[in-house]
């Protein structure tokens, strides 16, 4: 772990959720992807049916539906898991890979329960 890896500061300084449980960059990504899909569908449908207006209308409808579907999927993922679940999975995979290779971790690998009295259970 490098000194620049401050996971708490990264979690605090994340983008705020602005609309439909999506951040601004996720909204812009969904907008760009649906725009590209609109252009692709417009051209393909216009060539297939010979009508540019029909292709444009169908492409716009498909792009709106795909943008809505992507944002709904992101909202459901965000509500099901916490915000940084994917980064945590990648981090834990790297740690387990380092332990498998033999690189020492800076985290505790062994814990023991200390307490008062007899252990029950």
Foldseek 3Di string as FASTA:
>chain_A
DDPPDDPVVVVVPDADQDPLRHGPVQLVVLVVVLVVQLVVQLVVVCVVPVDSVVSNVVSNVVSVVSSVVSSNVNSVVCVVDPDCVVVVVVVVVVVVVCVVVPHDDPDDPDDDDDDDDDDDD
